[in-house]
């Protein structure tokens, strides 16, 4: 049996370059920022579920609202770092670690 050549395959990085432009361009930076916000929401949702908490229960534990938790989980981009830290610390018994890459 002869193997097929997959010459039309591209890497994910190449795909991003063609769809959103090279790193450093406005459209690519916008994509990267939106993706980070999306990842944050998914991460928070997964952690909340691992702890067996509803959005309402998490909100009560950390002194915010179910609506705010939902907004974070559903890709809201206007999240206050101090509130996020409180949600993780008081609601999930965790610690927020930030990293800056230059």
C-alpha atoms as a PDB file:
ATOM      1  CA  UNK A   1       0.000   0.000   0.000  1.00  0.00           C
ATOM      2  CA  UNK A   2       1.395   3.350  -1.035  1.00  0.00           C
ATOM      3  CA  UNK A   3       1.513   6.235   1.487  1.00  0.00           C
ATOM      4  CA  UNK A   4      -0.137   9.493   0.500  1.00  0.00           C
ATOM      5  CA  UNK A   5       1.937  12.635   0.494  1.00  0.00           C
ATOM      6  CA  UNK A   6       0.356  15.407   2.503  1.00  0.00           C
ATOM      7  CA  UNK A   7       2.051  18.308   0.778  1.00  0.00           C
ATOM      8  CA  UNK A   8      -0.926  20.594   1.311  1.00  0.00           C
ATOM      9  CA  UNK A   9      -0.684  20.470   5.108  1.00  0.00           C
ATOM     10  CA  UNK A  10       0.407  23.610   6.907  1.00  0.00           C
ATOM     11  CA  UNK A  11       1.456  24.196  10.484  1.00  0.00           C
ATOM     12  CA  UNK A  12      -0.861  25.955  12.888  1.00  0.00           C
ATOM     13  CA  UNK A  13       1.597  28.854  13.072  1.00  0.00           C
ATOM     14  CA  UNK A  14       1.459  29.206   9.282  1.00  0.00           C
ATOM     15  CA  UNK A  15      -2.320  29.087   9.417  1.00  0.00           C
ATOM     16  CA  UNK A  16      -2.377  31.897  11.987  1.00  0.00           C
ATOM     17  CA  UNK A  17       0.031  33.937   9.873  1.00  0.00           C
ATOM     18  CA  UNK A  18      -2.177  33.587   6.802  1.00  0.00           C
ATOM     19  CA  UNK A  19      -5.453  34.246   8.652  1.00  0.00           C
ATOM     20  CA  UNK A  20      -4.403  37.003  11.063  1.00  0.00           C
ATOM     21  CA  UNK A  21      -1.057  38.287   9.798  1.00  0.00           C
ATOM     22  CA  UNK A  22       2.434  38.052  11.241  1.00  0.00           C
ATOM     23  CA  UNK A  23       3.100  38.564  14.962  1.00  0.00           C
ATOM     24  CA  UNK A  24       3.355  42.257  15.671  1.00  0.00           C
ATOM     25  CA  UNK A  25       0.651  43.304  13.225  1.00  0.00           C
ATOM     26  CA  UNK A  26      -2.496  44.872  14.656  1.00  0.00           C
ATOM     27  CA  UNK A  27      -4.792  42.078  13.457  1.00  0.00           C
ATOM     28  CA  UNK A  28      -2.556  39.330  14.859  1.00  0.00           C
ATOM     29  CA  UNK A  29      -2.135  41.086  18.208  1.00  0.00           C
ATOM     30  CA  UNK A  30      -5.915  41.490  18.443  1.00  0.00           C
ATOM     31  CA  UNK A  31      -6.336  37.765  17.762  1.00  0.00           C
ATOM     32  CA  UNK A  32      -3.719  36.866  20.391  1.00  0.00           C
ATOM     33  CA  UNK A  33      -5.373  39.089  23.022  1.00  0.00           C
ATOM     34  CA  UNK A  34      -8.820  37.623  22.338  1.00  0.00           C
ATOM     35  CA  UNK A  35      -7.418  34.108  22.522  1.00  0.00           C
ATOM     36  CA  UNK A  36      -5.848  34.781  25.936  1.00  0.00           C
ATOM     37  CA  UNK A  37      -9.192  36.079  27.233  1.00  0.00           C
ATOM     38  CA  UNK A  38     -10.908  32.972  25.854  1.00  0.00           C
ATOM     39  CA  UNK A  39      -8.359  30.694  27.553  1.00  0.00           C
ATOM     40  CA  UNK A  40      -8.850  32.508  30.848  1.00  0.00           C
ATOM     41  CA  UNK A  41     -12.601  31.949  30.686  1.00  0.00           C
ATOM     42  CA  UNK A  42     -12.227  28.253  29.883  1.00  0.00           C
ATOM     43  CA  UNK A  43      -9.659  27.809  32.643  1.00  0.00           C
ATOM     44  CA  UNK A  44     -11.906  29.474  35.219  1.00  0.00           C
ATOM     45  CA  UNK A  45     -14.865  27.362  34.150  1.00  0.00           C
ATOM     46  CA  UNK A  46     -12.852  24.133  34.373  1.00  0.00           C
ATOM     47  CA  UNK A  47     -11.499  25.018  37.819  1.00  0.00           C
ATOM     48  CA  UNK A  48     -14.974  25.912  39.059  1.00  0.00           C
ATOM     49  CA  UNK A  49     -16.384  22.613  37.823  1.00  0.00           C
ATOM     50  CA  UNK A  50     -13.478  20.645  39.330  1.00  0.00           C
ATOM     51  CA  UNK A  51     -14.404  22.193  42.692  1.00  0.00           C
ATOM     52  CA  UNK A  52     -18.041  21.179  42.147  1.00  0.00           C
ATOM     53  CA  UNK A  53     -19.253  24.777  42.230  1.00  0.00           C
ATOM     54  CA  UNK A  54     -21.995  26.461  40.269  1.00  0.00           C
ATOM     55  CA  UNK A  55     -21.402  29.983  38.994  1.00  0.00           C
ATOM     56  CA  UNK A  56     -23.712  31.231  41.736  1.00  0.00           C
ATOM     57  CA  UNK A  57     -21.874  29.330  44.485  1.00  0.00           C
ATOM     58  CA  UNK A  58     -18.497  30.620  43.268  1.00  0.00           C
ATOM     59  CA  UNK A  59     -19.840  34.165  43.152  1.00  0.00           C
ATOM     60  CA  UNK A  60     -21.102  33.899  46.737  1.00  0.00           C
ATOM     61  CA  UNK A  61     -17.760  32.585  47.994  1.00  0.00           C
ATOM     62  CA  UNK A  62     -15.798  35.491  46.561  1.00  0.00           C
ATOM     63  CA  UNK A  63     -18.248  38.364  46.847  1.00  0.00           C
ATOM     64  CA  UNK A  64     -19.192  38.927  43.235  1.00  0.00           C
ATOM     65  CA  UNK A  65     -22.200  38.072  41.080  1.00  0.00           C
ATOM     66  CA  UNK A  66     -23.151  35.055  39.006  1.00  0.00           C
ATOM     67  CA  UNK A  67     -23.397  37.409  36.037  1.00  0.00           C
ATOM     68  CA  UNK A  68     -19.772  38.487  36.488  1.00  0.00           C
ATOM     69  CA  UNK A  69     -18.571  34.867  36.702  1.00  0.00           C
ATOM     70  CA  UNK A  70     -20.574  34.067  33.575  1.00  0.00           C
ATOM     71  CA  UNK A  71     -19.097  37.046  31.720  1.00  0.00           C
ATOM     72  CA  UNK A  72     -15.573  35.898  32.496  1.00  0.00           C
ATOM     73  CA  UNK A  73     -16.313  32.322  31.463  1.00  0.00           C
ATOM     74  CA  UNK A  74     -17.939  33.516  28.253  1.00  0.00           C
ATOM     75  CA  UNK A  75     -15.086  35.630  26.944  1.00  0.00           C
ATOM     76  CA  UNK A  76     -15.625  39.019  28.566  1.00  0.00           C
ATOM     77  CA  UNK A  77     -12.609  41.227  28.045  1.00  0.00           C
ATOM     78  CA  UNK A  78     -13.079  43.833  30.765  1.00  0.00           C
ATOM     79  CA  UNK A  79     -11.963  41.773  33.754  1.00  0.00           C
ATOM     80  CA  UNK A  80     -10.379  43.522  36.720  1.00  0.00           C
ATOM     81  CA  UNK A  81      -7.220  41.741  37.843  1.00  0.00           C
ATOM     82  CA  UNK A  82      -8.041  42.388  41.506  1.00  0.00           C
ATOM     83  CA  UNK A  83     -11.445  40.740  41.108  1.00  0.00           C
ATOM     84  CA  UNK A  84      -9.963  37.811  39.215  1.00  0.00           C
ATOM     85  CA  UNK A  85      -7.402  37.365  41.988  1.00  0.00           C
ATOM     86  CA  UNK A  86     -10.181  37.379  44.604  1.00  0.00           C
ATOM     87  CA  UNK A  87     -12.219  34.823  42.628  1.00  0.00           C
ATOM     88  CA  UNK A  88      -9.232  32.500  42.424  1.00  0.00           C
ATOM     89  CA  UNK A  89      -8.057  33.079  46.006  1.00  0.00           C
ATOM     90  CA  UNK A  90     -11.368  33.121  47.895  1.00  0.00           C
ATOM     91  CA  UNK A  91     -13.616  31.205  45.526  1.00  0.00           C
ATOM     92  CA  UNK A  92     -11.269  28.494  44.320  1.00  0.00           C
ATOM     93  CA  UNK A  93      -8.613  28.483  47.070  1.00  0.00           C
ATOM     94  CA  UNK A  94      -5.902  29.087  44.496  1.00  0.00           C
ATOM     95  CA  UNK A  95      -3.272  31.649  43.585  1.00  0.00           C
ATOM     96  CA  UNK A  96      -3.082  33.699  40.390  1.00  0.00           C
ATOM     97  CA  UNK A  97       0.346  33.755  38.769  1.00  0.00           C
ATOM     98  CA  UNK A  98       0.948  36.222  35.944  1.00  0.00           C
ATOM     99  CA  UNK A  99       3.727  36.025  33.392  1.00  0.00           C
ATOM    100  CA  UNK A 100       4.970  38.689  31.021  1.00  0.00           C
ATOM    101  CA  UNK A 101       6.788  37.563  27.893  1.00  0.00           C
ATOM    102  CA  UNK A 102       8.856  40.060  25.921  1.00  0.00           C
END
